[in-house]
Amino acid sequence: MKKSIDEYKEKFLEHLKNYKGYSDLTIKTYKEALDEALGIIEVVEEKDHLLFNLMPYRIHISSLQSKTISKKLSAIRSFSEYLGELQIKVTLKADESVKVAKTLPKPIAHKHIIEALQQADLHEKTIITILYTMGLRISELANLKLEDISDQWIRVIGKGNKQRDIPIIESTKKILEEYLRDFSPKKFLFEKNGEKLSENSLRYIINKVFARISLKVTPHQLRHSYATSLLNGGAPIVDVSELLGHSSMATTQIYTKLGSALKKQNYDKAHPLCGVSS
């Protein structure tokens, strides 16, 4: 290898900050996890790839809670995926998943999204509006072609090449029309120099827009916001599941739990007897 693993690790941490917009605390967590792991993992340089044998490390952290183990292993997987993007093939040995309980997603309040949109230019506004009003994954947004957009619908190719059609609401349609008129993309909706914008570039734009109102927001949080808004507005869960492209309705049901949790929080704040001791 031209560089040492430690050098690539530092480049990876820079990548998390500059392109993915991770917070300093999250980057510190990644650094600590990788510093620990790379001191214990057996790294073998094979002919055409690197082998990361995780077994010594898994034994080392085996006494920790499953959620902590999962987070530490996730940092290694993310690092190996980054190396893959640099054309350095990495094989992970002893990389079995650790099952952890699902946590509720954290949507962004509608008022914060509107506040961010008010400070966004047309390009930024179009990206955020589509994510918020259509619930796309960032990979789906990056691959969205002009031919997939009709007057009333967009056609999305999701996970497993599953196809779904999502309606375009009137406000989004107007922004799209203005964007297409001003930017004149050729093939993909979001392009630069004739090539589609990468997922990392889109993430960076979203992070930059919300940083103006002192928030750190991921594309997936906008997808959560879309789903939660629909369910709280009374949309049938089967329809929301289809719009999100979920393979199982059980995944969509996470959002119904979130809706109940938010209603409970709002009730606790609103009722005059809440917080009053007997």
Protein backbone atom coordinates (compact mmCIF):
# COMPACT_ATOMS: atom_id res chain seq x y z
CA MET A 1 0.00 0.00 0.00
CA LYS A 2 1.18 3.51 -0.86
CA LYS A 3 0.01 4.86 2.48
CA SER A 4 -0.20 3.32 5.92
CA ILE A 5 -3.54 2.34 7.44
CA ASP A 6 -3.16 5.21 9.92
CA GLU A 7 -2.83 7.73 7.09
CA TYR A 8 -5.96 6.38 5.43
CA LYS A 9 -7.72 6.54 8.79
CA GLU A 10 -6.94 10.26 9.09
CA LYS A 11 -8.19 10.85 5.54
CA PHE A 12 -11.36 8.95 6.43
CA LEU A 13 -11.97 11.16 9.47
CA GLU A 14 -11.49 14.26 7.30
CA HIS A 15 -13.99 12.75 4.84
CA LEU A 16 -16.57 12.34 7.63
CA LYS A 17 -16.19 15.98 8.60
CA ASN A 18 -15.92 17.68 5.22
CA TYR A 19 -18.24 15.58 3.06
CA LYS A 20 -20.65 13.87 5.43
CA GLY A 21 -20.91 16.79 7.82
CA TYR A 22 -20.53 14.70 10.97
CA SER A 23 -20.23 16.54 14.27
CA ASP A 24 -16.92 16.81 16.12
CA LEU A 25 -18.29 14.48 18.81
CA THR A 26 -19.27 11.82 16.25
CA ILE A 27 -15.85 12.06 14.56
CA LYS A 28 -14.18 11.72 17.98
CA THR A 29 -16.24 8.54 18.58
CA TYR A 30 -15.16 7.12 15.20
CA LYS A 31 -11.53 7.99 15.89
CA GLU A 32 -11.54 6.33 19.30
CA ALA A 33 -13.23 3.21 17.90
CA LEU A 34 -10.77 2.93 15.00
CA ASP A 35 -7.71 3.67 17.15
CA GLU A 36 -8.73 0.86 19.46
CA ALA A 37 -9.75 -1.57 16.71
CA LEU A 38 -6.76 -1.08 14.42
CA GLY A 39 -4.43 -1.79 17.34
CA ILE A 40 -6.01 -5.23 17.79
CA ILE A 41 -7.39 -6.31 14.41
CA GLU A 42 -5.20 -8.63 12.40
CA VAL A 43 -4.49 -6.86 9.08
CA VAL A 44 -3.14 -9.06 6.31
CA GLU A 45 -2.11 -7.66 2.92
CA GLU A 46 -3.16 -10.23 0.35
CA LYS A 47 -2.36 -10.17 -3.37
CA ASP A 48 -5.43 -8.18 -4.47
CA HIS A 49 -7.01 -7.04 -1.21
CA LEU A 50 -6.59 -6.34 2.47
CA LEU A 51 -7.94 -8.83 4.97
CA PHE A 52 -9.21 -7.44 8.27
CA ASN A 53 -9.58 -10.33 10.69
CA LEU A 54 -11.93 -8.95 13.34
CA MET A 55 -11.93 -11.99 15.60
CA PRO A 56 -9.20 -10.78 18.03
CA TYR A 57 -11.05 -7.48 18.38
CA ARG A 58 -14.44 -9.12 18.83
CA ILE A 59 -13.02 -11.22 21.65
CA HIS A 60 -11.58 -8.05 23.19
CA ILE A 61 -14.95 -6.23 23.22
CA SER A 62 -17.17 -9.27 23.85
CA SER A 63 -18.08 -8.20 27.40
CA LEU A 64 -19.60 -4.90 26.23
CA GLN A 65 -23.29 -4.29 25.56
CA SER A 66 -24.50 -5.39 22.13
CA LYS A 67 -25.32 -1.82 21.09
CA THR A 68 -21.78 -0.67 21.91
CA ILE A 69 -20.26 -3.62 20.04
CA SER A 70 -22.45 -2.87 17.04
CA LYS A 71 -21.32 0.78 16.98
CA LYS A 72 -17.65 -0.17 17.17
CA LEU A 73 -18.00 -2.72 14.35
CA SER A 74 -19.98 -0.19 12.32
CA ALA A 75 -17.02 2.22 12.46
CA ILE A 76 -14.77 -0.49 11.00
CA ARG A 77 -17.28 -1.28 8.25
CA SER A 78 -17.59 2.41 7.34
CA PHE A 79 -13.79 2.70 7.17
CA SER A 80 -13.52 -0.39 4.95
CA GLU A 81 -16.25 0.99 2.65
CA TYR A 82 -14.30 4.25 2.40
CA LEU A 83 -11.19 2.29 1.40
CA GLY A 84 -13.30 0.54 -1.21
CA GLU A 85 -14.24 3.93 -2.69
CA LEU A 86 -10.47 4.54 -3.03
CA GLN A 87 -10.21 1.26 -4.98
CA ILE A 88 -8.64 -0.56 -2.04
CA LYS A 89 -10.55 -3.80 -1.66
CA VAL A 90 -11.05 -4.89 1.95
CA THR A 91 -12.40 -8.24 3.11
CA LEU A 92 -13.77 -8.42 6.65
CA LYS A 93 -13.43 -11.74 8.45
CA ALA A 94 -15.64 -12.55 11.48
CA ASP A 95 -17.99 -9.68 10.63
CA GLU A 96 -21.28 -11.19 11.75
CA SER A 97 -23.89 -8.60 12.67
CA VAL A 98 -24.81 -7.94 16.28
CA LYS A 99 -28.55 -7.62 16.81
CA VAL A 100 -29.59 -4.50 18.69
CA ALA A 101 -32.96 -3.03 19.51
CA LYS A 102 -34.29 -0.52 16.97
CA THR A 103 -34.26 3.07 18.18
CA LEU A 104 -36.77 5.66 17.07
CA PRO A 105 -35.66 7.92 14.21
CA LYS A 106 -35.39 11.64 14.87
CA PRO A 107 -37.34 13.73 12.36
CA ILE A 108 -36.75 17.45 11.85
CA ALA A 109 -39.54 19.80 12.90
CA HIS A 110 -41.44 21.31 9.96
CA LYS A 111 -40.71 24.87 11.17
CA HIS A 112 -36.95 24.20 11.07
CA ILE A 113 -37.14 22.83 7.52
CA ILE A 114 -39.11 25.90 6.40
CA GLU A 115 -36.58 28.16 8.12
CA ALA A 116 -33.71 26.42 6.30
CA LEU A 117 -35.53 26.62 2.95
CA GLN A 118 -35.99 30.38 3.37
CA GLN A 119 -32.20 30.76 3.46
CA ALA A 120 -31.47 28.35 0.60
CA ASP A 121 -30.76 29.14 -3.05
CA LEU A 122 -32.80 27.45 -5.79
CA HIS A 123 -30.43 24.50 -6.20
CA GLU A 124 -30.32 23.81 -2.47
CA LYS A 125 -34.06 24.37 -2.08
CA THR A 126 -34.86 21.83 -4.81
CA ILE A 127 -32.71 19.13 -3.19
CA ILE A 128 -34.22 19.59 0.28
CA THR A 129 -37.79 19.98 -0.97
CA ILE A 130 -37.67 16.73 -2.94
CA LEU A 131 -36.29 14.80 0.03
CA TYR A 132 -38.84 16.30 2.41
CA THR A 133 -41.93 15.97 0.17
CA MET A 134 -41.10 12.62 -1.43
CA GLY A 135 -39.15 10.71 1.21
CA LEU A 136 -36.35 9.59 -1.11
CA ARG A 137 -33.18 7.89 0.03
CA ILE A 138 -30.06 9.91 -0.79
CA SER A 139 -28.96 7.21 -3.25
CA GLU A 140 -32.32 7.47 -5.03
CA LEU A 141 -32.00 11.25 -5.26
CA ALA A 142 -28.49 11.00 -6.73
CA ASN A 143 -29.71 8.57 -9.41
CA LEU A 144 -32.89 10.46 -10.31
CA LYS A 145 -33.03 11.02 -14.08
CA LEU A 146 -35.06 13.55 -16.04
CA GLU A 147 -36.83 10.70 -17.82
CA ASP A 148 -38.13 9.52 -14.42
CA ILE A 149 -40.04 12.79 -13.87
CA SER A 150 -43.50 13.29 -15.32
CA ASP A 151 -46.05 16.04 -14.78
CA GLN A 152 -47.58 14.48 -11.67
CA TRP A 153 -45.22 11.67 -10.58
CA ILE A 154 -41.61 10.65 -10.26
CA ARG A 155 -40.53 7.07 -10.79
CA VAL A 156 -37.91 5.84 -8.32
CA ILE A 157 -35.74 2.76 -8.55
CA GLY A 158 -35.06 1.77 -4.95
CA LYS A 159 -33.36 -1.07 -3.11
CA GLY A 160 -33.30 -4.36 -4.99
CA ASN A 161 -34.26 -2.48 -8.18
CA LYS A 162 -37.81 -2.14 -6.84
CA GLN A 163 -39.74 0.52 -8.73
CA ARG A 164 -42.26 2.88 -7.14
CA ASP A 165 -44.14 6.01 -8.23
CA ILE A 166 -44.37 9.01 -5.90
CA PRO A 167 -46.79 11.91 -6.48
CA ILE A 168 -45.39 15.43 -6.89
CA ILE A 169 -47.28 17.96 -4.78
CA GLU A 170 -48.01 21.35 -6.35
CA SER A 171 -45.44 23.36 -4.36
CA THR A 172 -42.68 20.89 -5.26
CA LYS A 173 -43.79 20.93 -8.89
CA LYS A 174 -43.36 24.72 -9.06
CA ILE A 175 -39.85 24.57 -7.57
CA LEU A 176 -38.92 21.75 -9.96
CA GLU A 177 -40.15 23.71 -12.98
CA GLU A 178 -38.14 26.76 -11.93
CA TYR A 179 -35.04 24.63 -11.29
CA LEU A 180 -35.28 22.85 -14.67
CA ARG A 181 -35.72 26.18 -16.44
CA ASP A 182 -32.72 27.81 -14.76
CA PHE A 183 -30.26 24.89 -14.63
CA SER A 184 -31.21 22.84 -17.73
CA PRO A 185 -29.76 19.48 -16.63
CA LYS A 186 -29.18 17.00 -19.45
CA LYS A 187 -29.66 13.52 -17.99
CA PHE A 188 -29.73 13.49 -14.20
CA LEU A 189 -31.75 15.97 -12.18
CA PHE A 190 -28.67 17.06 -10.21
CA GLU A 191 -25.50 17.29 -12.28
CA LYS A 192 -22.10 18.93 -12.34
CA ASN A 193 -19.95 19.05 -15.47
CA GLY A 194 -22.21 16.54 -17.19
CA GLU A 195 -21.98 13.97 -14.39
CA LYS A 196 -24.54 13.23 -11.68
CA LEU A 197 -23.83 14.76 -8.29
CA SER A 198 -22.48 12.17 -5.87
CA GLU A 199 -24.27 11.21 -2.68
CA ASN A 200 -21.49 12.86 -0.69
CA SER A 201 -21.92 16.12 -2.59
CA LEU A 202 -25.66 16.09 -1.91
CA ARG A 203 -25.05 15.37 1.78
CA TYR A 204 -22.60 18.26 1.94
CA ILE A 205 -25.16 20.67 0.44
CA ILE A 206 -27.84 19.59 2.92
CA ASN A 207 -25.44 19.91 5.83
CA LYS A 208 -24.40 23.39 4.66
CA VAL A 209 -27.99 24.64 4.39
CA PHE A 210 -29.03 23.50 7.85
CA ALA A 211 -25.77 24.72 9.39
CA ARG A 212 -27.03 28.25 8.61
CA ILE A 213 -29.72 27.73 11.25
CA SER A 214 -27.32 25.92 13.59
CA LEU A 215 -28.68 22.41 12.96
CA LYS A 216 -26.98 19.22 11.86
CA VAL A 217 -29.37 17.35 9.57
CA THR A 218 -28.88 14.18 7.54
CA PRO A 219 -30.79 13.24 4.36
CA HIS A 220 -32.27 10.29 6.23
CA GLN A 221 -33.75 12.61 8.84
CA LEU A 222 -35.64 14.39 6.06
CA ARG A 223 -36.97 10.99 4.96
CA HIS A 224 -38.02 10.35 8.58
CA SER A 225 -39.75 13.75 8.62
CA TYR A 226 -41.67 12.89 5.44
CA ALA A 227 -42.88 9.56 6.84
CA THR A 228 -43.81 10.95 10.24
CA SER A 229 -45.73 13.87 8.73
CA LEU A 230 -47.79 11.53 6.54
CA LEU A 231 -48.64 9.16 9.38
CA ASN A 232 -49.46 11.97 11.82
CA GLY A 233 -51.68 13.44 9.10
CA GLY A 234 -53.71 10.23 8.91
CA ALA A 235 -52.19 8.54 5.84
CA PRO A 236 -52.71 4.73 5.91
CA ILE A 237 -49.55 2.91 6.93
CA VAL A 238 -49.78 0.58 3.91
CA ASP A 239 -49.64 3.62 1.58
CA VAL A 240 -46.73 5.21 3.45
CA SER A 241 -44.85 1.92 3.37
CA GLU A 242 -45.28 1.75 -0.40
CA LEU A 243 -44.22 5.38 -0.89
CA LEU A 244 -41.06 4.80 1.17
CA GLY A 245 -40.21 1.62 -0.74
CA HIS A 246 -40.07 -0.50 2.42
CA SER A 247 -39.94 -4.23 1.79
CA SER A 248 -41.77 -4.85 5.07
CA MET A 249 -44.49 -2.82 6.79
CA ALA A 250 -42.76 -3.61 10.08
CA THR A 251 -40.09 -1.07 9.13
CA THR A 252 -42.72 1.63 8.57
CA GLN A 253 -44.31 0.84 11.95
CA ILE A 254 -41.25 2.36 13.65
CA TYR A 255 -42.67 5.74 12.60
CA THR A 256 -46.04 5.02 14.21
CA LYS A 257 -44.20 4.46 17.50
CA LEU A 258 -42.46 7.78 16.96
CA GLY A 259 -45.78 9.50 16.34
CA SER A 260 -47.18 8.13 19.60
CA ALA A 261 -44.07 9.27 21.46
CA LEU A 262 -44.38 12.80 20.06
CA LYS A 263 -48.08 12.96 20.92
CA LYS A 264 -47.24 11.95 24.51
CA GLN A 265 -44.56 14.66 24.71
CA ASN A 266 -46.97 17.28 23.36
CA TYR A 267 -49.65 16.19 25.84
CA ASP A 268 -47.22 16.43 28.74
CA LYS A 269 -46.36 19.99 27.72
CA ALA A 270 -49.92 21.08 27.00
CA HIS A 271 -52.11 19.74 29.81
CA PRO A 272 -52.27 22.07 32.84
CA LEU A 273 -52.09 19.21 35.36
CA CYS A 274 -48.97 17.62 33.84
CA GLY A 275 -45.98 18.16 36.11
CA VAL A 276 -48.19 19.08 39.06
CA SER A 277 -47.61 16.81 42.03
CA SER A 278 -50.55 15.61 44.12
